Amino acid sequence: MKSSRSRSRKNRNTSNRPTGGNIINRVFDSSGPDGKVRGTPQQIIDKYNQLHRDAQLNGDRVDAENFAQHAEHYTRLLAEAQREVDAKREEQERQNRDRQAERDRERSERLKAQEEAAADPSVLADDTAGNDGDSGLVETPEEAPKRRTRRKKPVDKPAEGDAPSSEAAE
């Protein structure tokens, strides 16, 4: 049986911090000079700005500066996350525009080819002339030539009063 020591070593490299994800909506625990502040980056910024104003009104310049620096840190964090979100959105929009332009180009080529085929019937005649009568299409029963089927001779039915021929032979 494995000891608990080997299990604890095994999980040593994993951290409790989430990787990637949406920083804008993630909840943080900030350990500031006045205790912990918990919330999304915007909520933490608002709280530290409020603490900054309160410290200024109380005449505590050191605490006011400290709260302002904490607020600035989370402001930078939020701004960077917002830039990343905007960059991803712009990339998605560019890819969507490129895909739509490709679909539009293909559609216009298809319509142009259909218009040319409809306007010039010789194009169709030229296409079928060179294949030796084999269009590559499957023949359907409606288009197949009618075949004669051999009819069977009718079987004579015995009259009501007559006995069947097998009994008469006995």
Protein backbone atom coordinates (compact mmCIF):
# COMPACT_ATOMS: atom_id res chain seq x y z
CA MET A 1 0.00 0.00 0.00
CA LYS A 2 1.26 3.52 -0.82
CA SER A 3 2.06 5.87 1.97
CA SER A 4 0.50 9.30 2.27
CA ARG A 5 3.95 10.82 1.77
CA SER A 6 4.16 9.60 -1.84
CA ARG A 7 0.71 10.99 -2.56
CA SER A 8 1.60 14.39 -1.18
CA ARG A 9 4.75 14.50 -3.30
CA LYS A 10 2.75 13.49 -6.36
CA ASN A 11 0.43 16.50 -6.09
CA ARG A 12 3.14 18.98 -5.18
CA ASN A 13 3.33 20.58 -8.65
CA THR A 14 -0.35 21.39 -8.88
CA SER A 15 -1.49 24.76 -7.62
CA ASN A 16 -4.87 25.95 -6.48
CA ARG A 17 -4.79 28.92 -8.81
CA PRO A 18 -6.98 28.62 -11.92
CA THR A 19 -5.15 28.82 -15.22
CA GLY A 20 -6.42 31.06 -17.97
CA GLY A 21 -10.11 31.67 -17.96
CA ASN A 22 -11.99 34.91 -17.70
CA ILE A 23 -10.13 37.20 -15.30
CA ILE A 24 -12.79 39.88 -15.64
CA ASN A 25 -15.40 37.77 -13.83
CA ARG A 26 -13.08 35.74 -11.58
CA VAL A 27 -13.28 36.33 -7.85
CA PHE A 28 -10.02 37.34 -6.17
CA ASP A 29 -8.95 37.49 -2.53
CA SER A 30 -6.81 40.58 -2.05
CA SER A 31 -4.84 40.91 1.16
CA GLY A 32 -4.58 44.64 1.62
CA PRO A 33 -3.37 46.67 4.61
CA ASP A 34 -6.87 46.82 6.06
CA GLY A 35 -7.61 43.09 5.78
CA LYS A 36 -8.89 40.94 2.96
CA VAL A 37 -10.95 42.31 0.12
CA ARG A 38 -12.84 39.74 -1.95
CA GLY A 39 -14.55 40.15 -5.31
CA THR A 40 -14.09 40.61 -9.04
CA PRO A 41 -11.33 43.00 -10.12
CA GLN A 42 -13.84 45.81 -10.64
CA GLN A 43 -15.33 45.29 -7.18
CA ILE A 44 -11.87 45.25 -5.60
CA ILE A 45 -10.92 48.47 -7.45
CA ASP A 46 -14.09 50.16 -6.19
CA LYS A 47 -13.43 49.01 -2.62
CA TYR A 48 -9.80 50.19 -2.61
CA ASN A 49 -10.82 53.54 -4.12
CA GLN A 50 -13.39 53.94 -1.34
CA LEU A 51 -10.75 53.03 1.29
CA HIS A 52 -8.36 55.52 -0.39
CA ARG A 53 -10.95 58.34 -0.10
CA ASP A 54 -11.68 57.42 3.54
CA ALA A 55 -7.96 57.43 4.43
CA GLN A 56 -7.51 60.82 2.75
CA LEU A 57 -10.43 62.27 4.71
CA ASN A 58 -8.90 60.91 7.92
CA GLY A 59 -5.56 62.53 7.05
CA ASP A 60 -3.66 59.19 6.77
CA ARG A 61 -1.49 59.76 3.72
CA VAL A 62 0.40 56.45 4.04
CA ASP A 63 -2.75 54.31 4.06
CA ALA A 64 -4.27 56.46 1.31
CA GLU A 65 -1.23 55.88 -0.93
CA ASN A 66 -1.23 52.16 -0.12
CA PHE A 67 -4.93 51.80 -1.05
CA ALA A 68 -4.35 53.81 -4.23
CA GLN A 69 -1.52 51.47 -5.25
CA HIS A 70 -3.68 48.41 -4.60
CA ALA A 71 -6.46 49.92 -6.71
CA GLU A 72 -3.96 50.74 -9.48
CA HIS A 73 -2.68 47.15 -9.48
CA TYR A 74 -6.16 45.73 -10.03
CA THR A 75 -6.89 48.46 -12.60
CA ARG A 76 -3.86 47.30 -14.61
CA LEU A 77 -4.89 43.68 -14.21
CA LEU A 78 -8.41 44.45 -15.45
CA ALA A 79 -7.13 46.58 -18.35
CA GLU A 80 -4.82 43.79 -19.54
CA ALA A 81 -7.62 41.24 -19.35
CA GLN A 82 -9.91 43.58 -21.28
CA ARG A 83 -7.25 44.06 -23.99
CA GLU A 84 -6.97 40.29 -24.35
CA VAL A 85 -10.75 39.91 -24.62
CA ASP A 86 -10.89 42.69 -27.22
CA ALA A 87 -8.04 41.14 -29.22
CA LYS A 88 -9.79 37.74 -29.24
CA ARG A 89 -13.06 39.36 -30.30
CA GLU A 90 -11.36 41.28 -33.14
CA GLU A 91 -9.64 38.08 -34.33
CA GLN A 92 -12.99 36.24 -34.32
CA GLU A 93 -14.61 39.08 -36.26
CA ARG A 94 -11.77 39.07 -38.81
CA GLN A 95 -12.11 35.30 -39.27
CA ASN A 96 -15.87 35.65 -39.67
CA ARG A 97 -15.42 38.40 -42.28
CA ASP A 98 -12.91 36.23 -44.18
CA ARG A 99 -15.26 33.23 -44.13
CA GLN A 100 -18.19 35.35 -45.29
CA ALA A 101 -16.11 36.87 -48.10
CA GLU A 102 -15.13 33.35 -49.24
CA ARG A 103 -18.77 32.19 -49.19
CA ASP A 104 -19.82 35.30 -51.13
CA ARG A 105 -17.10 34.70 -53.72
CA GLU A 106 -18.11 31.05 -54.16
CA ARG A 107 -21.78 32.01 -54.46
CA SER A 108 -21.05 34.63 -57.12
CA GLU A 109 -18.94 32.14 -59.11
CA ARG A 110 -21.74 29.57 -58.92
CA LEU A 111 -24.35 32.10 -60.07
CA LYS A 112 -22.11 33.27 -62.90
CA ALA A 113 -21.64 29.69 -64.11
CA GLN A 114 -25.41 29.09 -63.95
CA GLU A 115 -26.11 32.28 -65.89
CA GLU A 116 -23.56 31.34 -68.56
CA ALA A 117 -25.07 27.87 -68.91
CA ALA A 118 -28.60 29.29 -69.19
CA ALA A 119 -27.59 31.97 -71.69
CA ASP A 120 -25.57 29.70 -74.00
CA PRO A 121 -27.29 26.37 -74.76
CA SER A 122 -24.38 25.37 -77.01
CA VAL A 123 -22.30 24.94 -73.87
CA LEU A 124 -24.54 22.04 -72.87
CA ALA A 125 -24.51 20.59 -76.42
CA ASP A 126 -20.71 20.77 -76.54
CA ASP A 127 -20.41 19.05 -73.19
CA THR A 128 -22.55 16.07 -74.21
CA ALA A 129 -21.16 15.71 -77.75
CA GLY A 130 -17.76 14.42 -76.68
CA ASN A 131 -18.83 11.58 -74.36
CA ASP A 132 -19.91 8.96 -76.92
CA GLY A 133 -23.47 8.97 -75.64
CA ASP A 134 -22.47 8.03 -72.09
CA SER A 135 -23.63 10.87 -69.88
CA GLY A 136 -22.63 9.11 -66.69
CA LEU A 137 -26.23 9.26 -65.44
CA VAL A 138 -28.11 6.29 -64.09
CA GLU A 139 -31.03 5.11 -66.19
CA THR A 140 -34.33 5.23 -64.32
CA PRO A 141 -37.25 2.84 -64.98
CA GLU A 142 -39.31 5.67 -66.49
CA GLU A 143 -36.62 6.31 -69.09
CA ALA A 144 -35.75 2.67 -69.80
CA PRO A 145 -36.96 1.20 -73.12
CA LYS A 146 -40.05 -0.98 -72.83
CA ARG A 147 -39.29 -4.71 -73.00
CA ARG A 148 -41.67 -7.35 -74.23
CA THR A 149 -42.52 -9.96 -71.71
CA ARG A 150 -43.49 -13.49 -72.65
CA ARG A 151 -47.03 -14.33 -71.70
CA LYS A 152 -47.92 -17.69 -70.28
CA LYS A 153 -50.59 -19.79 -71.93
CA PRO A 154 -53.87 -19.60 -70.10
CA VAL A 155 -54.76 -22.70 -68.11
CA ASP A 156 -58.10 -24.28 -69.00
CA LYS A 157 -60.42 -24.30 -66.04
CA PRO A 158 -62.78 -27.23 -65.72
CA ALA A 159 -66.48 -26.55 -65.82
CA GLU A 160 -68.49 -26.89 -62.64
CA GLY A 161 -69.99 -30.23 -63.51
CA ASP A 162 -66.80 -31.65 -64.86
CA ALA A 163 -64.40 -33.49 -62.68
CA PRO A 164 -60.86 -32.23 -62.47
CA SER A 165 -58.57 -33.80 -65.04
CA SER A 166 -56.45 -35.51 -62.40
CA GLU A 167 -59.46 -37.43 -61.06
CA ALA A 168 -60.61 -38.37 -64.53
CA ALA A 169 -57.30 -40.04 -65.19
CA GLU A 170 -57.84 -42.43 -62.27
